[in-house]
N, C-alpha and C. Protein backbone atom coordinates (compact mmCIF):
# COMPACT_ATOMS: atom_id res chain seq x y z
N UNK A 1 0.86 -1.20 0.02
CA UNK A 1 -0.02 -0.02 0.04
C UNK A 1 0.82 1.25 -0.03
N UNK A 2 1.97 1.25 0.75
CA UNK A 2 2.93 2.46 0.70
C UNK A 2 3.41 2.73 -0.72
N UNK A 3 3.54 1.70 -1.58
CA UNK A 3 4.00 1.97 -2.88
C UNK A 3 3.06 2.92 -3.52
N UNK A 4 1.74 2.65 -3.39
CA UNK A 4 0.70 3.46 -4.06
C UNK A 4 0.67 4.90 -3.44
N UNK A 5 0.73 5.05 -2.08
CA UNK A 5 0.61 6.30 -1.41
C UNK A 5 1.96 7.10 -1.46
N UNK A 6 2.99 6.33 -1.65
CA UNK A 6 4.34 7.09 -1.87
C UNK A 6 5.08 7.13 -0.51
N UNK A 7 6.42 7.51 -0.62
CA UNK A 7 7.23 7.77 0.48
C UNK A 7 7.97 9.14 0.30
N UNK A 8 8.11 9.89 1.25
CA UNK A 8 8.77 11.14 1.02
C UNK A 8 9.50 11.71 2.46
N UNK A 9 10.14 12.71 2.30
CA UNK A 9 10.70 13.28 3.58
C UNK A 9 9.59 13.67 4.54
N UNK A 10 9.74 13.33 5.77
CA UNK A 10 8.94 13.79 6.83
C UNK A 10 8.87 15.29 6.97
N UNK A 11 7.70 15.73 7.24
CA UNK A 11 7.49 17.32 7.44
C UNK A 11 7.15 17.54 8.82
N UNK A 12 7.76 18.43 9.51
CA UNK A 12 8.92 19.11 8.96
C UNK A 12 10.21 18.18 8.89
N UNK A 13 11.10 18.61 8.01
CA UNK A 13 12.34 17.74 7.82
C UNK A 13 13.10 17.61 9.13
N UNK A 14 13.48 16.41 9.39
CA UNK A 14 14.20 16.10 10.52
C UNK A 14 15.34 15.07 10.22
N UNK A 15 16.45 15.21 10.98
CA UNK A 15 17.49 14.30 10.89
C UNK A 15 17.20 13.32 12.04
N UNK A 16 17.38 11.94 11.67
CA UNK A 16 17.21 10.90 12.77
C UNK A 16 18.53 10.61 13.44
N UNK A 17 18.55 9.68 14.35
CA UNK A 17 19.60 9.27 15.14
C UNK A 17 20.85 8.73 14.42
N UNK A 18 20.62 8.22 13.14
CA UNK A 18 21.55 7.73 12.29
C UNK A 18 22.28 8.78 11.52
N UNK A 19 21.80 9.99 11.55
CA UNK A 19 22.23 11.11 10.73
C UNK A 19 21.58 11.25 9.37
N UNK A 20 20.51 10.42 9.08
CA UNK A 20 19.85 10.53 7.78
C UNK A 20 18.49 11.10 7.98
N UNK A 21 17.93 11.39 6.97
CA UNK A 21 16.63 12.00 6.97
C UNK A 21 15.48 11.12 7.42
N UNK A 22 14.53 11.55 8.17
CA UNK A 22 13.31 10.84 8.47
C UNK A 22 12.42 10.70 7.21
N UNK A 23 11.78 9.69 7.11
CA UNK A 23 10.85 9.39 5.97
C UNK A 23 9.46 9.37 6.44
N UNK A 24 8.53 9.65 5.64
CA UNK A 24 7.08 9.60 5.92
C UNK A 24 6.49 8.65 4.77
N UNK A 25 5.51 7.70 5.25
CA UNK A 25 4.94 6.72 4.30
C UNK A 25 3.47 6.66 4.55
N UNK A 26 2.66 6.17 3.72
CA UNK A 26 1.38 5.86 3.81
C UNK A 26 0.44 6.98 4.13
N UNK A 27 -0.53 6.76 5.12
CA UNK A 27 -1.42 7.86 5.49
C UNK A 27 -0.76 9.05 5.99
N UNK A 28 0.34 8.82 6.80
CA UNK A 28 1.06 9.93 7.32
C UNK A 28 1.64 10.88 6.23
N UNK A 29 2.06 10.32 5.10
CA UNK A 29 2.60 11.00 4.01
C UNK A 29 1.51 11.96 3.40
N UNK A 30 0.37 11.35 3.30
CA UNK A 30 -0.84 12.03 2.68
C UNK A 30 -1.17 13.29 3.64
N UNK A 31 -1.29 12.97 4.90
CA UNK A 31 -1.73 14.02 5.83
C UNK A 31 -0.65 15.22 5.88
N UNK A 32 0.70 14.84 5.76
CA UNK A 32 1.66 15.93 5.71
C UNK A 32 1.57 16.68 4.44
N UNK A 33 1.28 15.96 3.26
CA UNK A 33 1.14 16.76 2.08
C UNK A 33 -0.12 17.58 2.14
N UNK A 34 -1.23 17.23 2.68
CA UNK A 34 -2.31 18.22 2.87
C UNK A 34 -1.87 19.38 3.72
N UNK A 35 -1.23 19.18 4.82
CA UNK A 35 -0.64 20.26 5.66
C UNK A 35 0.23 21.23 4.90
N UNK A 36 1.08 20.67 3.99
CA UNK A 36 2.09 21.51 3.24
C UNK A 36 1.18 22.31 2.30
N UNK A 37 0.33 21.74 1.52
CA UNK A 37 -0.55 22.52 0.56
C UNK A 37 -1.29 23.63 1.33
N UNK A 38 -1.90 23.38 2.47
CA UNK A 38 -2.60 24.45 3.11
C UNK A 38 -1.74 25.58 3.74
N UNK A 39 -0.53 25.20 4.06
CA UNK A 39 0.40 26.25 4.71
C UNK A 39 1.33 26.93 3.64
N UNK A 40 1.20 26.55 2.35
CA UNK A 40 1.97 27.20 1.41
C UNK A 40 1.26 28.34 0.73
N UNK A 41 1.59 29.62 0.85
CA UNK A 41 0.87 30.54 0.10
C UNK A 41 1.28 30.42 -1.56
N UNK A 42 0.21 30.78 -2.25
CA UNK A 42 0.43 30.75 -3.72
C UNK A 42 1.45 31.88 -4.02
N UNK A 43 2.22 31.61 -5.01
CA UNK A 43 3.29 32.48 -5.60
C UNK A 43 4.47 32.65 -4.62
N UNK A 44 4.61 31.65 -3.68
CA UNK A 44 5.76 31.62 -2.77
C UNK A 44 7.01 30.73 -3.31
N UNK A 45 6.53 29.82 -4.16
CA UNK A 45 7.62 29.01 -4.67
C UNK A 45 8.01 29.54 -6.10
N UNK A 46 9.13 29.88 -6.32
CA UNK A 46 9.67 30.48 -7.54
C UNK A 46 9.49 29.57 -8.71
N UNK A 47 9.77 28.27 -8.66
CA UNK A 47 9.60 27.39 -9.83
C UNK A 47 8.40 26.79 -9.93
N UNK A 48 7.43 26.95 -8.91
CA UNK A 48 6.05 26.49 -9.01
C UNK A 48 5.19 27.52 -8.42
N UNK A 49 4.90 28.72 -9.09
CA UNK A 49 4.11 29.75 -8.46
C UNK A 49 2.60 29.50 -8.24
N UNK A 50 2.08 28.50 -9.00
CA UNK A 50 0.70 28.24 -8.70
C UNK A 50 0.50 27.24 -7.63
N UNK A 51 1.49 26.61 -7.15
CA UNK A 51 1.44 25.57 -5.93
C UNK A 51 0.95 26.35 -4.69
N UNK A 52 0.24 25.85 -3.90
CA UNK A 52 -0.34 26.35 -2.55
C UNK A 52 -1.79 26.55 -2.49
N UNK A 53 -2.18 27.29 -1.45
CA UNK A 53 -3.50 27.61 -1.23
C UNK A 53 -3.74 29.05 -1.08
N UNK A 54 -4.85 29.45 -1.69
CA UNK A 54 -5.12 30.90 -1.74
C UNK A 54 -5.74 31.44 -0.46
N UNK A 55 -5.81 30.68 0.70
CA UNK A 55 -6.26 31.26 1.77
C UNK A 55 -5.30 32.32 2.40
N UNK A 56 -4.05 32.34 2.15
CA UNK A 56 -3.25 33.43 2.62
C UNK A 56 -3.39 34.72 1.97
N UNK A 57 -4.22 34.80 0.88
CA UNK A 57 -4.65 36.08 0.18
C UNK A 57 -5.69 36.78 1.08
N UNK A 58 -6.33 35.99 1.97
CA UNK A 58 -7.43 36.49 2.86
C UNK A 58 -6.93 36.84 4.09
N UNK A 59 -5.67 36.95 4.29
CA UNK A 59 -5.08 37.49 5.58
C UNK A 59 -5.60 38.97 5.83
N UNK A 60 -6.11 39.41 6.92
CA UNK A 60 -6.45 40.73 7.44
C UNK A 60 -7.78 40.96 6.77
N UNK A 61 -8.54 39.91 6.22
CA UNK A 61 -9.89 40.05 5.81
C UNK A 61 -10.85 39.88 6.97
N UNK A 62 -11.91 40.59 7.17
CA UNK A 62 -12.70 40.63 8.45
C UNK A 62 -13.53 39.19 8.29
N UNK A 63 -13.73 38.67 9.45
CA UNK A 63 -14.31 37.37 9.61
C UNK A 63 -15.78 37.63 9.38
N UNK A 64 -16.37 36.59 8.57
CA UNK A 64 -17.82 36.74 8.22
C UNK A 64 -18.05 35.51 7.42
N UNK A 65 -19.38 35.29 7.12
CA UNK A 65 -19.80 34.15 6.25
C UNK A 65 -19.25 34.12 4.83
N UNK A 66 -19.08 35.36 4.35
CA UNK A 66 -18.45 35.42 2.94
C UNK A 66 -17.09 34.98 2.95
N UNK A 67 -16.24 35.44 4.08
CA UNK A 67 -14.84 35.16 4.16
C UNK A 67 -14.63 33.70 4.46
N UNK A 68 -15.46 33.10 5.27
CA UNK A 68 -15.48 31.61 5.58
C UNK A 68 -15.70 30.83 4.24
N UNK A 69 -16.77 31.23 3.62
CA UNK A 69 -17.08 30.37 2.40
C UNK A 69 -15.97 30.57 1.30
N UNK A 70 -15.37 31.65 1.18
CA UNK A 70 -14.25 31.82 0.28
C UNK A 70 -13.00 31.02 0.68
N UNK A 71 -12.83 30.97 1.96
CA UNK A 71 -11.71 30.15 2.46
C UNK A 71 -11.92 28.64 2.24
N UNK A 72 -13.14 28.18 2.58
CA UNK A 72 -13.48 26.82 2.27
C UNK A 72 -13.34 26.45 0.86
N UNK A 73 -13.73 27.38 -0.07
CA UNK A 73 -13.63 27.16 -1.54
C UNK A 73 -12.14 27.06 -1.95
N UNK A 74 -11.35 27.99 -1.39
CA UNK A 74 -9.90 27.99 -1.75
C UNK A 74 -9.12 26.71 -1.27
N UNK A 75 -9.56 26.17 -0.19
CA UNK A 75 -9.11 25.00 0.44
C UNK A 75 -9.45 23.73 -0.40
N UNK A 76 -10.66 23.77 -0.80
CA UNK A 76 -11.13 22.62 -1.60
C UNK A 76 -10.50 22.56 -3.02
N UNK A 77 -10.33 23.72 -3.62
CA UNK A 77 -9.68 23.88 -4.97
C UNK A 77 -8.25 23.49 -4.94
N UNK A 78 -7.52 23.91 -3.80
CA UNK A 78 -6.19 23.58 -3.72
C UNK A 78 -5.84 22.14 -3.44
N UNK A 79 -6.76 21.51 -2.60
CA UNK A 79 -6.54 20.15 -2.43
C UNK A 79 -6.91 19.24 -3.61
N UNK A 80 -7.99 19.60 -4.28
CA UNK A 80 -8.44 18.83 -5.53
C UNK A 80 -7.33 18.85 -6.67
N UNK A 81 -6.61 20.09 -6.69
CA UNK A 81 -5.66 20.28 -7.72
C UNK A 81 -4.29 19.62 -7.44
N UNK A 82 -3.94 19.68 -6.14
CA UNK A 82 -2.48 19.39 -5.77
C UNK A 82 -2.39 17.96 -5.06
N UNK A 83 -3.39 17.43 -4.57
CA UNK A 83 -3.26 16.05 -3.97
C UNK A 83 -4.24 15.13 -4.52
N UNK A 84 -3.67 14.46 -5.57
CA UNK A 84 -4.60 13.46 -6.30
C UNK A 84 -4.73 12.20 -5.62
N UNK A 85 -4.21 11.89 -4.32
CA UNK A 85 -4.41 10.63 -3.63
C UNK A 85 -5.52 10.64 -2.83
N UNK A 86 -6.25 11.87 -2.77
CA UNK A 86 -7.46 11.95 -1.80
C UNK A 86 -8.72 12.54 -2.62
N UNK A 87 -9.92 12.14 -2.01
CA UNK A 87 -11.26 12.79 -2.37
C UNK A 87 -11.54 13.69 -1.26
N UNK A 88 -11.80 14.97 -1.50
CA UNK A 88 -12.14 15.88 -0.40
C UNK A 88 -13.63 15.72 -0.21
N UNK A 89 -13.97 15.33 1.00
CA UNK A 89 -15.32 15.13 1.46
C UNK A 89 -16.11 16.23 2.01
N UNK A 90 -15.42 17.09 2.84
CA UNK A 90 -16.08 18.27 3.47
C UNK A 90 -15.01 19.25 3.85
N UNK A 91 -15.17 20.44 3.70
CA UNK A 91 -14.31 21.50 4.26
C UNK A 91 -15.19 22.55 4.95
N UNK A 92 -14.74 22.85 6.26
CA UNK A 92 -15.55 23.90 7.05
C UNK A 92 -14.68 24.71 7.77
N UNK A 93 -15.06 26.08 7.98
CA UNK A 93 -14.13 26.96 8.66
C UNK A 93 -15.07 27.63 9.77
N UNK A 94 -14.62 27.47 10.89
CA UNK A 94 -15.30 27.94 12.15
C UNK A 94 -14.34 28.77 12.95
N UNK A 95 -14.92 29.79 13.62
CA UNK A 95 -14.15 30.62 14.49
C UNK A 95 -13.68 29.73 15.77
N UNK A 96 -12.57 29.99 16.15
CA UNK A 96 -12.15 29.51 17.46
C UNK A 96 -12.75 30.26 18.55
N UNK A 97 -13.27 29.59 19.48
CA UNK A 97 -14.04 30.28 20.64
C UNK A 97 -13.25 31.09 21.55
N UNK A 98 -12.02 30.88 21.68
CA UNK A 98 -11.08 31.66 22.62
C UNK A 98 -10.24 32.67 21.97
N UNK A 99 -10.14 32.49 20.54
CA UNK A 99 -9.20 33.31 19.74
C UNK A 99 -10.09 33.82 18.53
N UNK A 100 -10.65 35.10 18.76
CA UNK A 100 -11.55 35.52 17.64
C UNK A 100 -10.80 35.70 16.34
N UNK A 101 -9.48 35.93 16.30
CA UNK A 101 -8.70 36.11 15.03
C UNK A 101 -8.42 34.85 14.36
N UNK A 102 -8.77 33.75 14.84
CA UNK A 102 -8.38 32.32 14.23
C UNK A 102 -9.50 31.59 13.90
N UNK A 103 -9.37 30.99 12.61
CA UNK A 103 -10.29 30.14 12.05
C UNK A 103 -9.82 28.77 12.23
N UNK A 104 -10.56 27.69 12.50
CA UNK A 104 -10.19 26.39 12.46
C UNK A 104 -10.82 25.75 11.14
N UNK A 105 -9.82 25.50 10.16
CA UNK A 105 -10.32 24.85 8.95
C UNK A 105 -10.27 23.24 9.00
N UNK A 106 -11.46 22.81 9.00
CA UNK A 106 -11.61 21.30 9.15
C UNK A 106 -11.77 20.62 7.69
N UNK A 107 -10.92 19.73 7.51
CA UNK A 107 -10.97 18.92 6.16
C UNK A 107 -11.10 17.60 6.35
N UNK A 108 -12.20 16.90 5.91
CA UNK A 108 -12.38 15.64 5.90
C UNK A 108 -12.16 15.08 4.54
N UNK A 109 -11.32 14.06 4.47
CA UNK A 109 -10.94 13.50 3.17
C UNK A 109 -10.92 11.93 3.19
N UNK A 110 -10.89 11.43 2.05
CA UNK A 110 -10.76 9.90 1.87
C UNK A 110 -9.62 9.61 1.00
N UNK A 111 -8.76 8.64 1.44
CA UNK A 111 -7.61 8.27 0.74
C UNK A 111 -8.02 7.22 -0.33
N UNK A 112 -7.85 7.58 -1.58
CA UNK A 112 -8.36 6.74 -2.71
C UNK A 112 -7.83 5.36 -2.65
N UNK A 113 -6.61 5.17 -2.18
CA UNK A 113 -5.91 3.84 -2.33
C UNK A 113 -6.48 2.85 -1.37
N UNK A 114 -7.03 3.27 -0.28
CA UNK A 114 -7.50 2.17 0.80
C UNK A 114 -8.84 2.70 1.35
N UNK A 115 -9.55 3.80 0.81
CA UNK A 115 -10.87 4.30 1.32
C UNK A 115 -10.86 4.68 2.85
N UNK A 116 -9.62 4.83 3.39
CA UNK A 116 -9.66 5.45 4.77
C UNK A 116 -10.10 6.85 4.81
N UNK A 117 -11.09 7.21 5.76
CA UNK A 117 -11.44 8.48 5.88
C UNK A 117 -10.62 9.02 6.98
N UNK A 118 -10.18 10.34 6.77
CA UNK A 118 -9.31 11.01 7.65
C UNK A 118 -9.72 12.51 7.85
N UNK A 119 -9.19 13.17 8.71
CA UNK A 119 -9.53 14.55 8.78
C UNK A 119 -8.28 15.18 9.34
N UNK A 120 -8.36 16.58 9.21
CA UNK A 120 -7.14 17.55 9.64
C UNK A 120 -7.85 18.87 9.96
N UNK A 121 -7.36 19.35 11.10
CA UNK A 121 -7.81 20.75 11.49
C UNK A 121 -6.64 21.65 11.36
N UNK A 122 -6.73 22.57 10.49
CA UNK A 122 -5.69 23.58 10.21
C UNK A 122 -6.05 24.96 10.84
N UNK A 123 -5.19 25.56 11.73
CA UNK A 123 -5.41 26.79 12.32
C UNK A 123 -5.03 27.90 11.42
N UNK A 124 -5.92 28.89 11.08
CA UNK A 124 -5.62 29.97 10.16
C UNK A 124 -5.89 31.29 10.84
N UNK A 125 -4.90 32.07 11.00
CA UNK A 125 -5.12 33.39 11.64
C UNK A 125 -5.38 34.44 10.56
N UNK A 126 -6.60 35.03 10.70
CA UNK A 126 -7.05 36.09 9.83
C UNK A 126 -6.24 37.42 9.90
N UNK A 127 -5.83 37.66 11.29
CA UNK A 127 -4.91 38.84 11.47
C UNK A 127 -4.20 38.68 12.73
N UNK A 128 -3.27 39.52 13.04
CA UNK A 128 -2.40 39.45 14.10
C UNK A 128 -3.19 39.47 15.41
N UNK A 129 -2.48 38.76 16.47
CA UNK A 129 -3.16 38.87 17.70
C UNK A 129 -2.77 40.27 18.45
N UNK A 130 -3.55 40.38 19.39
CA UNK A 130 -3.40 41.73 20.21
C UNK A 130 -2.48 41.33 21.50
N UNK A 131 -1.73 42.28 22.00
CA UNK A 131 -1.03 42.13 23.29
C UNK A 131 0.22 41.45 23.26
């Protein structure tokens, strides 16, 4: 199954006790790829400017239903485009109850290779915190 889902460097990149890089395989590799897509702003990679997620263009946008819907759409589009190993089942953005400047982006997805349903919660800060 790992041959189908692939093997790559663990994210964040780490050196293990033997002095070589740690590797990520299977479902962990997919989850790390989803995280990388969400945390990479578009136009931040010189050789691949379209890679990433457009949520970072929403920084400093006031929170509201329109902003949340746009963020959900950006996340769905990025994952469909850049992670072919998954089917995106649901994307939701909700305000964090203790931090009003943070949205919790919940992504439910299915891994195509084994039909395992997974989820990830990505914290996205709309603007800088105070204090």
